[in-house]
Amino acid sequence: MKMSEIRQMTAEDVGQKLKGLYQEAFNLRFRQATAQLENSSSIRKVRRDIARIKTIVGEKGRSEGKEI
């Protein structure tokens, strides 16, 4: 997911996407713990997407003068 894509999303869409990514990260960690995960790099990709979204949310909050 690209930063420009996240910036174009509404706040509600960003929240839904973040919630979905947290769920996906949980499922990937669970699959890794039970030795069912074939591609371990997918965990890293999901974590980075979560970090990107949280960065954009923080930037938007600071630009509006709100603390998160």
C-alpha atoms as a PDB file:
ATOM      1  CA  MET A   1       0.000   0.000   0.000  1.00  0.00           C
ATOM      2  CA  LYS A   2       1.358   3.387  -0.974  1.00  0.00           C
ATOM      3  CA  MET A   3       1.332   6.528   1.136  1.00  0.00           C
ATOM      4  CA  SER A   4      -0.576   8.445  -1.543  1.00  0.00           C
ATOM      5  CA  GLU A   5      -3.337   5.818  -1.478  1.00  0.00           C
ATOM      6  CA  ILE A   6      -3.687   6.161   2.283  1.00  0.00           C
ATOM      7  CA  ARG A   7      -3.803   9.958   2.118  1.00  0.00           C
ATOM      8  CA  GLN A   8      -6.723   9.789  -0.324  1.00  0.00           C
ATOM      9  CA  MET A   9      -8.784   7.537   1.947  1.00  0.00           C
ATOM     10  CA  THR A  10     -11.422   8.920   4.306  1.00  0.00           C
ATOM     11  CA  ALA A  11     -10.956   8.634   8.053  1.00  0.00           C
ATOM     12  CA  GLU A  12     -13.554   5.873   8.220  1.00  0.00           C
ATOM     13  CA  ASP A  13     -11.838   3.914   5.442  1.00  0.00           C
ATOM     14  CA  VAL A  14      -8.479   4.282   7.150  1.00  0.00           C
ATOM     15  CA  GLY A  15      -9.956   2.982  10.397  1.00  0.00           C
ATOM     16  CA  GLN A  16     -11.475  -0.021   8.675  1.00  0.00           C
ATOM     17  CA  LYS A  17      -8.230  -0.775   6.835  1.00  0.00           C
ATOM     18  CA  LEU A  18      -6.213  -0.511  10.046  1.00  0.00           C
ATOM     19  CA  LYS A  19      -8.607  -2.825  11.852  1.00  0.00           C
ATOM     20  CA  GLY A  20      -8.337  -5.339   9.002  1.00  0.00           C
ATOM     21  CA  LEU A  21      -4.552  -5.171   9.039  1.00  0.00           C
ATOM     22  CA  TYR A  22      -4.434  -5.810  12.791  1.00  0.00           C
ATOM     23  CA  GLN A  23      -6.664  -8.849  12.270  1.00  0.00           C
ATOM     24  CA  GLU A  24      -4.468 -10.056   9.417  1.00  0.00           C
ATOM     25  CA  ALA A  25      -1.327  -9.617  11.529  1.00  0.00           C
ATOM     26  CA  PHE A  26      -2.909 -11.653  14.310  1.00  0.00           C
ATOM     27  CA  ASN A  27      -3.864 -14.431  11.895  1.00  0.00           C
ATOM     28  CA  LEU A  28      -0.361 -14.495  10.392  1.00  0.00           C
ATOM     29  CA  ARG A  29       1.267 -14.697  13.829  1.00  0.00           C
ATOM     30  CA  PHE A  30      -1.106 -17.508  14.778  1.00  0.00           C
ATOM     31  CA  ARG A  31      -0.322 -19.417  11.583  1.00  0.00           C
ATOM     32  CA  GLN A  32       3.403 -18.928  12.165  1.00  0.00           C
ATOM     33  CA  ALA A  33       3.130 -20.279  15.709  1.00  0.00           C
ATOM     34  CA  THR A  34       1.387 -23.409  14.436  1.00  0.00           C
ATOM     35  CA  ALA A  35       3.932 -23.859  11.602  1.00  0.00           C
ATOM     36  CA  GLN A  36       1.323 -23.309   8.877  1.00  0.00           C
ATOM     37  CA  LEU A  37       2.789 -20.092   7.475  1.00  0.00           C
ATOM     38  CA  GLU A  38       4.703 -20.601   4.238  1.00  0.00           C
ATOM     39  CA  ASN A  39       5.719 -16.999   3.479  1.00  0.00           C
ATOM     40  CA  SER A  40       7.076 -15.381   6.633  1.00  0.00           C
ATOM     41  CA  SER A  41       7.772 -12.093   4.835  1.00  0.00           C
ATOM     42  CA  SER A  42       4.030 -11.399   4.753  1.00  0.00           C
ATOM     43  CA  ILE A  43       4.172 -10.566   8.470  1.00  0.00           C
ATOM     44  CA  ARG A  44       6.746  -7.866   7.760  1.00  0.00           C
ATOM     45  CA  LYS A  45       4.635  -6.405   4.946  1.00  0.00           C
ATOM     46  CA  VAL A  46       1.545  -6.179   7.148  1.00  0.00           C
ATOM     47  CA  ARG A  47       3.500  -4.561   9.978  1.00  0.00           C
ATOM     48  CA  ARG A  48       4.875  -1.962   7.585  1.00  0.00           C
ATOM     49  CA  ASP A  49       1.401  -1.203   6.228  1.00  0.00           C
ATOM     50  CA  ILE A  50       0.173  -0.682   9.792  1.00  0.00           C
ATOM     51  CA  ALA A  51       3.094   1.683  10.441  1.00  0.00           C
ATOM     52  CA  ARG A  52       2.356   3.619   7.239  1.00  0.00           C
ATOM     53  CA  ILE A  53      -1.275   4.109   8.192  1.00  0.00           C
ATOM     54  CA  LYS A  54      -0.417   5.173  11.731  1.00  0.00           C
ATOM     55  CA  THR A  55       2.130   7.652  10.345  1.00  0.00           C
ATOM     56  CA  ILE A  56      -0.454   9.263   8.059  1.00  0.00           C
ATOM     57  CA  VAL A  57      -3.026   9.406  10.863  1.00  0.00           C
ATOM     58  CA  GLY A  58      -0.450  11.098  13.087  1.00  0.00           C
ATOM     59  CA  GLU A  59       0.447  13.607  10.393  1.00  0.00           C
ATOM     60  CA  LYS A  60      -3.200  14.477   9.816  1.00  0.00           C
ATOM     61  CA  GLY A  61      -3.764  14.854  13.545  1.00  0.00           C
ATOM     62  CA  ARG A  62      -0.797  17.158  13.998  1.00  0.00           C
ATOM     63  CA  SER A  63      -1.780  19.265  11.002  1.00  0.00           C
ATOM     64  CA  GLU A  64      -5.248  19.742  12.510  1.00  0.00           C
ATOM     65  CA  GLY A  65      -3.748  20.612  15.873  1.00  0.00           C
ATOM     66  CA  LYS A  66      -4.963  17.492  17.640  1.00  0.00           C
ATOM     67  CA  GLU A  67      -2.897  15.180  19.785  1.00  0.00           C
ATOM     68  CA  ILE A  68      -3.293  11.448  19.327  1.00  0.00           C
END
